[in-house]
């Protein structure tokens, strides 16, 4: 878990000590969403985690729209790297 998080931060960071930029936040939320999606294959009735996943998806959506407005080239890079929209 920690290694995957560090890999995500390194691949999307703007500079060496970057851990909170929009790009990194989107990457971490994407990791969280994929982990929860795997969890729902086993536990279909887990409604509390479903609420958390919905919140994460909505937050990622807001961050992506912000990034699209402010830095379109970085937006395209993040989409390709995370395989989000095709």
Protein backbone atom coordinates (compact mmCIF):
# COMPACT_ATOMS: atom_id res chain seq x y z
CA UNK A 1 0.00 0.00 0.00
CA UNK A 2 2.67 2.52 0.99
CA UNK A 3 4.89 1.54 -1.95
CA UNK A 4 2.02 2.01 -4.40
CA UNK A 5 1.24 5.39 -2.86
CA UNK A 6 4.87 6.48 -3.17
CA UNK A 7 5.00 5.31 -6.78
CA UNK A 8 1.88 7.31 -7.59
CA UNK A 9 3.31 10.42 -5.95
CA UNK A 10 6.63 10.08 -7.78
CA UNK A 11 5.00 9.58 -11.17
CA UNK A 12 2.66 12.58 -10.89
CA UNK A 13 4.72 15.03 -8.79
CA UNK A 14 5.62 18.38 -10.30
CA UNK A 15 8.81 18.77 -8.26
CA UNK A 16 10.81 16.66 -5.82
CA UNK A 17 8.90 17.33 -2.61
CA UNK A 18 5.44 17.60 -4.14
CA UNK A 19 2.80 15.65 -2.23
CA UNK A 20 -0.29 17.87 -2.45
CA UNK A 21 -0.65 19.18 -5.97
CA UNK A 22 -3.87 18.59 -7.86
CA UNK A 23 -2.25 15.92 -10.03
CA UNK A 24 -1.04 13.93 -7.03
CA UNK A 25 -4.41 14.22 -5.28
CA UNK A 26 -6.17 12.87 -8.37
CA UNK A 27 -3.73 9.94 -8.53
CA UNK A 28 -4.21 9.05 -4.88
CA UNK A 29 -7.99 9.24 -5.19
CA UNK A 30 -7.85 6.99 -8.24
CA UNK A 31 -5.86 4.41 -6.25
CA UNK A 32 -8.43 4.60 -3.45
CA UNK A 33 -11.35 4.20 -5.88
CA UNK A 34 -9.82 1.15 -7.57
CA UNK A 35 -9.13 -0.43 -4.18
CA UNK A 36 -12.75 0.13 -3.12
CA UNK A 37 -14.03 -1.25 -6.43
CA UNK A 38 -12.11 -4.47 -5.75
CA UNK A 39 -13.60 -4.55 -2.24
CA UNK A 40 -17.14 -4.31 -3.64
CA UNK A 41 -16.63 -7.44 -5.72
CA UNK A 42 -16.46 -9.33 -2.41
CA UNK A 43 -18.72 -7.24 -0.13
CA UNK A 44 -21.68 -6.09 -2.22
CA UNK A 45 -23.78 -4.99 0.73
CA UNK A 46 -21.17 -2.69 2.30
CA UNK A 47 -23.15 0.56 2.09
CA UNK A 48 -20.87 2.61 4.34
CA UNK A 49 -17.92 2.09 2.03
CA UNK A 50 -20.17 2.87 -0.94
CA UNK A 51 -20.81 6.31 0.52
CA UNK A 52 -17.07 6.85 0.92
CA UNK A 53 -16.46 5.76 -2.65
CA UNK A 54 -19.12 8.16 -3.95
CA UNK A 55 -17.48 11.02 -2.07
CA UNK A 56 -14.07 10.09 -3.50
CA UNK A 57 -15.42 9.91 -7.05
CA UNK A 58 -17.09 13.31 -6.70
CA UNK A 59 -13.94 14.89 -5.26
CA UNK A 60 -11.84 13.47 -8.11
CA UNK A 61 -14.36 14.82 -10.61
CA UNK A 62 -14.10 18.31 -9.10
CA UNK A 63 -10.31 18.18 -9.10
CA UNK A 64 -10.26 17.03 -12.74
CA UNK A 65 -12.53 19.88 -13.83
CA UNK A 66 -10.32 22.36 -11.94
CA UNK A 67 -7.21 20.96 -13.60
CA UNK A 68 -8.85 21.09 -17.02
CA UNK A 69 -9.57 24.81 -16.57
CA UNK A 70 -6.24 25.85 -15.04
CA UNK A 71 -3.67 23.54 -16.71
CA UNK A 72 -5.05 21.75 -19.79
CA UNK A 73 -1.69 20.17 -20.73
CA UNK A 74 -1.30 18.70 -17.25
CA UNK A 75 -4.91 17.48 -17.43
CA UNK A 76 -4.17 15.50 -20.59
CA UNK A 77 -1.02 14.05 -19.03
CA UNK A 78 -2.91 12.87 -15.94
CA UNK A 79 -5.67 11.29 -18.03
CA UNK A 80 -3.16 9.33 -20.10
CA UNK A 81 -1.10 8.25 -17.12
CA UNK A 82 -4.07 7.05 -15.08
CA UNK A 83 -6.09 5.65 -18.03
CA UNK A 84 -9.21 7.54 -16.98
CA UNK A 85 -11.10 8.86 -20.00
CA UNK A 86 -10.66 7.38 -23.41
